[in-house]
Amino acid sequence: MNKFMAMGLIILVIVLSFVVSNFIKNPQLSMGDVGAKEATYLGEGLFFLWDEKTVVKMDQQGDFEIGQRFVYEGEGEDIEIMEKTDRKTGEKMDLEIAVEVNAKTDDTVKLIDVREPGEFDSGHVPGAINIPLGSILGSKEFSKDDVLILYCRSGARSATAQKALEREGYYVIDAGGIIYYRGEIER
């Protein structure tokens, strides 16, 4: 086997591995839908379109659960929901996008800084509320009907809080650490 055939075989194996891993991660999709677009229901007619990284308000018929994912076709507000899938755990989102999502939504989305109050006071993202990691489970600031988007300094505490809250039945998105954020800071 010459060098070019070996390289071509390696590339084919890599591509097939990617396609198979996408199918395994989301078995509700058929193999023809591997590139399908997904949206998450945020409450009150609001959907987050993961591919477009935007929030849209739509009048969709049906029973939707906060955090439920959907496979859809179309663009912007002109989308058709093709299939409902289960909620996902361990969701991640860039903090810049989380700030935009929070600004476009009402009280159903809570952008929560899980750092200590002194860290929060030294600078936080617009629209965030402060609930330190140590008191997140006992907080009355949110309910299971809310979408919780968490962040901290580096992403470690928000990941810990995400796991704890998901075990309790909350829908949580981890936005990582503020040290990677390049937007406006409030003091």
Protein backbone atom coordinates (compact mmCIF):
# COMPACT_ATOMS: atom_id res chain seq x y z
CA MET A 1 0.00 0.00 0.00
CA ASN A 2 1.48 3.31 -0.96
CA LYS A 3 1.62 6.43 1.17
CA PHE A 4 -1.37 8.15 -0.51
CA MET A 5 -3.66 5.15 -0.14
CA ALA A 6 -2.77 4.87 3.55
CA MET A 7 -3.47 8.58 4.10
CA GLY A 8 -6.81 8.30 2.27
CA LEU A 9 -7.79 5.32 4.42
CA ILE A 10 -6.94 7.26 7.59
CA ILE A 11 -9.07 10.22 6.47
CA LEU A 12 -11.98 7.88 5.67
CA VAL A 13 -11.76 6.30 9.13
CA ILE A 14 -11.75 9.75 10.78
CA VAL A 15 -14.83 10.90 8.82
CA LEU A 16 -16.72 7.69 9.57
CA SER A 17 -15.80 7.97 13.26
CA PHE A 18 -17.25 11.49 13.35
CA VAL A 19 -20.52 10.44 11.67
CA VAL A 20 -20.95 7.40 13.93
CA SER A 21 -20.14 9.38 17.10
CA ASN A 22 -22.80 12.00 16.19
CA PHE A 23 -25.34 9.23 15.69
CA ILE A 24 -24.42 7.58 19.01
CA LYS A 25 -24.69 10.91 20.89
CA ASN A 26 -28.21 11.48 19.55
CA PRO A 27 -29.75 8.10 18.65
CA GLN A 28 -33.22 9.67 18.20
CA LEU A 29 -31.99 11.00 14.87
CA SER A 30 -31.82 8.80 11.83
CA MET A 31 -28.52 8.57 9.97
CA GLY A 32 -29.95 10.90 7.33
CA ASP A 33 -30.41 13.58 10.00
CA VAL A 34 -26.86 13.68 11.39
CA GLY A 35 -26.56 17.37 10.43
CA ALA A 36 -30.01 18.28 11.75
CA LYS A 37 -30.49 21.55 13.61
CA GLU A 38 -31.54 21.59 17.24
CA ALA A 39 -33.44 24.07 19.39
CA THR A 40 -34.18 24.17 23.11
CA TYR A 41 -37.44 25.42 24.59
CA LEU A 42 -36.80 28.23 27.11
CA GLY A 43 -40.40 28.86 28.16
CA GLU A 44 -43.12 31.33 27.18
CA GLY A 45 -42.79 30.64 23.44
CA LEU A 46 -39.02 31.25 23.38
CA PHE A 47 -36.63 28.86 21.67
CA PHE A 48 -32.83 28.90 21.55
CA LEU A 49 -31.58 27.84 18.11
CA TRP A 50 -28.21 26.20 18.76
CA ASP A 51 -26.87 26.43 15.19
CA GLU A 52 -27.89 30.06 14.78
CA LYS A 53 -26.99 30.91 18.41
CA THR A 54 -30.05 33.07 18.77
CA VAL A 55 -33.36 33.23 20.64
CA VAL A 56 -36.63 33.40 18.72
CA LYS A 57 -40.22 33.72 19.88
CA MET A 58 -42.62 31.42 18.07
CA ASP A 59 -46.24 30.43 18.29
CA GLN A 60 -45.83 26.66 18.24
CA GLN A 61 -48.63 24.27 19.04
CA GLY A 62 -47.95 21.46 21.46
CA ASP A 63 -46.86 20.65 24.95
CA PHE A 64 -43.31 21.81 25.65
CA GLU A 65 -41.14 21.21 28.69
CA ILE A 66 -38.49 23.74 29.76
CA GLY A 67 -35.14 22.56 28.42
CA GLN A 68 -36.64 20.11 25.94
CA ARG A 69 -34.71 19.78 22.69
CA PHE A 70 -36.23 19.72 19.22
CA VAL A 71 -34.97 18.79 15.79
CA TYR A 72 -36.09 21.47 13.35
CA GLU A 73 -35.87 22.67 9.77
CA GLY A 74 -35.89 26.24 8.51
CA GLU A 75 -34.29 29.53 9.52
CA GLY A 76 -34.98 32.24 12.12
CA GLU A 77 -38.63 32.46 13.14
CA ASP A 78 -39.69 30.40 10.11
CA ILE A 79 -38.91 26.96 11.49
CA GLU A 80 -40.82 23.73 11.65
CA ILE A 81 -40.30 21.35 14.56
CA MET A 82 -39.73 17.89 13.15
CA GLU A 83 -39.14 15.82 16.28
CA LYS A 84 -39.01 16.27 20.04
CA THR A 85 -36.03 14.80 21.86
CA ASP A 86 -35.19 14.50 25.53
CA ARG A 87 -33.61 17.15 27.71
CA LYS A 88 -29.85 17.00 27.66
CA THR A 89 -27.57 17.22 30.66
CA GLY A 90 -24.17 18.82 30.67
CA GLU A 91 -25.18 21.56 28.21
CA LYS A 92 -22.58 24.24 27.51
CA MET A 93 -22.89 27.73 26.03
CA ASP A 94 -20.44 30.62 25.52
CA LEU A 95 -20.89 33.33 28.14
CA GLU A 96 -21.27 36.01 25.43
CA ILE A 97 -24.23 34.09 23.99
CA ALA A 98 -25.64 33.47 27.49
CA VAL A 99 -25.71 37.24 28.13
CA GLU A 100 -27.60 37.76 24.85
CA VAL A 101 -30.05 34.96 25.63
CA ASN A 102 -30.70 36.44 29.09
CA ALA A 103 -31.26 39.92 27.63
CA LYS A 104 -33.80 38.62 25.09
CA THR A 105 -35.83 36.59 27.55
CA ASP A 106 -38.03 37.33 30.50
CA ASP A 107 -37.91 35.79 33.96
CA THR A 108 -37.82 32.17 32.73
CA VAL A 109 -34.06 32.38 32.13
CA LYS A 110 -31.81 33.05 35.11
CA LEU A 111 -28.18 34.03 34.47
CA ILE A 112 -26.43 33.11 37.71
CA ASP A 113 -22.91 33.97 38.85
CA VAL A 114 -21.94 31.26 41.38
CA ARG A 115 -18.86 33.11 42.66
CA GLU A 116 -18.66 34.64 46.13
CA PRO A 117 -20.25 38.10 46.68
CA GLY A 118 -16.90 39.94 46.74
CA GLU A 119 -15.96 38.42 43.38
CA PHE A 120 -19.37 39.33 41.96
CA ASP A 121 -19.05 42.93 43.23
CA SER A 122 -15.63 43.26 41.55
CA GLY A 123 -17.26 42.68 38.16
CA HIS A 124 -20.01 40.56 36.62
CA VAL A 125 -21.80 40.19 33.30
CA PRO A 126 -24.92 42.31 32.58
CA GLY A 127 -28.14 40.84 33.92
CA ALA A 128 -26.51 38.30 36.22
CA ILE A 129 -27.64 37.56 39.75
CA ASN A 130 -25.27 36.29 42.42
CA ILE A 131 -25.96 33.00 44.16
CA PRO A 132 -22.72 31.53 45.54
CA LEU A 133 -22.02 27.86 44.91
CA GLY A 134 -22.35 27.05 48.61
CA SER A 135 -25.98 28.21 48.72
CA ILE A 136 -27.18 27.34 45.20
CA LEU A 137 -29.17 24.24 46.20
CA GLY A 138 -31.15 26.05 48.88
CA SER A 139 -31.89 29.15 46.81
CA LYS A 140 -35.43 30.47 46.37
CA GLU A 141 -34.36 32.69 43.43
CA PHE A 142 -35.38 30.09 40.82
CA SER A 143 -37.66 27.11 40.26
CA LYS A 144 -37.69 23.98 38.14
CA ASP A 145 -39.71 25.95 35.58
CA ASP A 146 -36.68 28.17 34.89
CA VAL A 147 -33.70 27.76 32.59
CA LEU A 148 -30.57 28.26 34.68
CA ILE A 149 -27.41 29.52 32.99
CA LEU A 150 -24.42 29.43 35.33
CA TYR A 151 -20.95 30.89 35.23
CA CYS A 152 -18.06 31.53 37.64
CA ARG A 153 -14.45 32.66 37.33
CA SER A 154 -12.91 29.73 35.43
CA GLY A 155 -15.79 27.31 34.87
CA ALA A 156 -15.01 24.84 37.68
CA ARG A 157 -17.63 26.02 40.18
CA SER A 158 -20.31 26.44 37.51
CA ALA A 159 -19.68 22.85 36.34
CA THR A 160 -20.00 21.61 39.93
CA ALA A 161 -23.24 23.56 40.42
CA GLN A 162 -24.60 22.30 37.11
CA LYS A 163 -24.15 18.66 38.12
CA ALA A 164 -25.73 19.22 41.54
CA LEU A 165 -28.73 21.10 40.14
CA GLU A 166 -29.30 18.59 37.32
CA ARG A 167 -29.42 15.79 39.92
CA GLU A 168 -32.25 17.75 41.58
CA GLY A 169 -34.19 18.00 38.29
CA TYR A 170 -33.29 21.52 37.10
CA TYR A 171 -32.46 22.38 33.50
CA VAL A 172 -28.99 23.95 33.58
CA ILE A 173 -26.57 25.34 30.98
CA ASP A 174 -22.95 25.94 31.96
CA ALA A 175 -21.52 29.15 30.45
CA GLY A 176 -18.04 28.57 31.87
CA GLY A 177 -15.78 31.26 33.25
CA ILE A 178 -15.84 35.04 33.18
CA ILE A 179 -12.08 35.07 32.56
CA TYR A 180 -12.87 34.06 28.95
CA TYR A 181 -15.61 36.69 28.52
CA ARG A 182 -14.87 39.65 26.25
CA GLY A 183 -18.07 41.67 26.69
CA GLU A 184 -19.25 44.43 28.98
CA ILE A 185 -18.62 44.08 32.74
CA GLU A 186 -20.86 45.65 35.36
CA ARG A 187 -19.57 46.70 38.81
